C-alpha atoms as a PDB file:
ATOM      1  CA  UNK A   1      18.828 -47.355  21.280  1.00  0.00           C
ATOM      2  CA  UNK A   2      21.195 -45.662  18.833  1.00  0.00           C
ATOM      3  CA  UNK A   3      19.675 -44.076  15.722  1.00  0.00           C
ATOM      4  CA  UNK A   4      21.599 -46.337  13.332  1.00  0.00           C
ATOM      5  CA  UNK A   5      20.320 -49.528  14.955  1.00  0.00           C
ATOM      6  CA  UNK A   6      16.806 -48.131  15.103  1.00  0.00           C
ATOM      7  CA  UNK A   7      16.924 -47.309  11.372  1.00  0.00           C
ATOM      8  CA  UNK A   8      18.140 -50.829  10.579  1.00  0.00           C
ATOM      9  CA  UNK A   9      15.383 -52.414  12.708  1.00  0.00           C
ATOM     10  CA  UNK A  10      12.679 -50.214  11.164  1.00  0.00           C
ATOM     11  CA  UNK A  11      13.943 -51.006   7.637  1.00  0.00           C
ATOM     12  CA  UNK A  12      14.008 -54.726   8.386  1.00  0.00           C
ATOM     13  CA  UNK A  13      10.462 -54.627   9.788  1.00  0.00           C
ATOM     14  CA  UNK A  14       9.231 -52.704   6.727  1.00  0.00           C
ATOM     15  CA  UNK A  15      10.834 -55.246   4.364  1.00  0.00           C
ATOM     16  CA  UNK A  16       9.306 -58.080   6.409  1.00  0.00           C
ATOM     17  CA  UNK A  17       5.822 -56.505   6.220  1.00  0.00           C
ATOM     18  CA  UNK A  18       6.206 -55.977   2.464  1.00  0.00           C
ATOM     19  CA  UNK A  19       7.333 -59.603   1.995  1.00  0.00           C
ATOM     20  CA  UNK A  20       4.409 -60.952   4.007  1.00  0.00           C
ATOM     21  CA  UNK A  21       1.978 -58.786   2.027  1.00  0.00           C
ATOM     22  CA  UNK A  22       3.462 -59.936  -1.266  1.00  0.00           C
ATOM     23  CA  UNK A  23       3.264 -63.565  -0.129  1.00  0.00           C
ATOM     24  CA  UNK A  24      -0.404 -63.154   0.853  1.00  0.00           C
ATOM     25  CA  UNK A  25      -1.250 -61.648  -2.549  1.00  0.00           C
ATOM     26  CA  UNK A  26       0.604 -64.556  -4.189  1.00  0.00           C
ATOM     27  CA  UNK A  27      -1.446 -67.061  -2.176  1.00  0.00           C
ATOM     28  CA  UNK A  28      -4.638 -65.236  -3.120  1.00  0.00           C
ATOM     29  CA  UNK A  29      -3.692 -65.445  -6.803  1.00  0.00           C
ATOM     30  CA  UNK A  30      -3.036 -69.186  -6.500  1.00  0.00           C
ATOM     31  CA  UNK A  31      -6.368 -69.682  -4.722  1.00  0.00           C
ATOM     32  CA  UNK A  32      -8.283 -67.686  -7.360  1.00  0.00           C
ATOM     33  CA  UNK A  33      -6.663 -69.405 -10.365  1.00  0.00           C
ATOM     34  CA  UNK A  34      -9.381 -72.100 -10.795  1.00  0.00           C
ATOM     35  CA  UNK A  35     -12.102 -69.446 -10.668  1.00  0.00           C
ATOM     36  CA  UNK A  36     -10.316 -67.307 -13.270  1.00  0.00           C
ATOM     37  CA  UNK A  37      -9.749 -70.330 -15.495  1.00  0.00           C
ATOM     38  CA  UNK A  38     -13.427 -71.279 -15.368  1.00  0.00           C
ATOM     39  CA  UNK A  39     -14.595 -67.736 -16.115  1.00  0.00           C
ATOM     40  CA  UNK A  40     -12.135 -67.468 -18.978  1.00  0.00           C
ATOM     41  CA  UNK A  41     -13.440 -70.716 -20.465  1.00  0.00           C
ATOM     42  CA  UNK A  42     -17.042 -69.495 -20.221  1.00  0.00           C
ATOM     43  CA  UNK A  43     -16.166 -66.197 -21.909  1.00  0.00           C
ATOM     44  CA  UNK A  44     -14.210 -67.849 -24.740  1.00  0.00           C
ATOM     45  CA  UNK A  45     -17.012 -70.344 -25.396  1.00  0.00           C
ATOM     46  CA  UNK A  46     -19.654 -67.620 -25.530  1.00  0.00           C
ATOM     47  CA  UNK A  47     -17.512 -65.519 -27.855  1.00  0.00           C
ATOM     48  CA  UNK A  48     -16.909 -68.502 -30.135  1.00  0.00           C
ATOM     49  CA  UNK A  49     -20.661 -69.047 -30.556  1.00  0.00           C
ATOM     50  CA  UNK A  50     -21.227 -65.472 -31.742  1.00  0.00           C
ATOM     51  CA  UNK A  51     -18.518 -65.524 -34.407  1.00  0.00           C
ATOM     52  CA  UNK A  52     -18.845 -67.407 -37.673  1.00  0.00           C
ATOM     53  CA  UNK A  53     -16.753 -70.520 -37.920  1.00  0.00           C
ATOM     54  CA  UNK A  54     -14.970 -69.552 -41.138  1.00  0.00           C
ATOM     55  CA  UNK A  55     -13.725 -66.116 -41.934  1.00  0.00           C
ATOM     56  CA  UNK A  56     -14.015 -64.890 -45.505  1.00  0.00           C
ATOM     57  CA  UNK A  57     -10.692 -64.820 -47.275  1.00  0.00           C
ATOM     58  CA  UNK A  58      -9.722 -61.410 -48.617  1.00  0.00           C
ATOM     59  CA  UNK A  59      -9.357 -61.039 -52.359  1.00  0.00           C
ATOM     60  CA  UNK A  60      -5.727 -61.049 -53.369  1.00  0.00           C
ATOM     61  CA  UNK A  61      -4.724 -58.293 -55.698  1.00  0.00           C
ATOM     62  CA  UNK A  62      -1.604 -57.833 -57.711  1.00  0.00           C
ATOM     63  CA  UNK A  63       0.899 -55.023 -57.637  1.00  0.00           C
ATOM     64  CA  UNK A  64      -0.571 -53.658 -60.871  1.00  0.00           C
ATOM     65  CA  UNK A  65      -4.029 -53.411 -59.279  1.00  0.00           C
ATOM     66  CA  UNK A  66      -2.531 -51.481 -56.390  1.00  0.00           C
ATOM     67  CA  UNK A  67      -0.693 -49.185 -58.773  1.00  0.00           C
ATOM     68  CA  UNK A  68      -3.904 -48.389 -60.684  1.00  0.00           C
ATOM     69  CA  UNK A  69      -5.769 -47.487 -57.514  1.00  0.00           C
ATOM     70  CA  UNK A  70      -3.065 -45.277 -56.064  1.00  0.00           C
END
């Protein structure tokens, strides 16, 4: 087999293997999506319980107050 044809065949096989691997990772991501969504919901709900519902509003100062401080 000539070297040029062998290089083309090897390159094509390598691209095919990469494509199949990428496709398998894509299928794994699709299969794991419901699990990730459920875990994300659990984490957000637990974080929401720890934080207060309303955040205190910061005191608004004027430009003159800023000028006096600095």
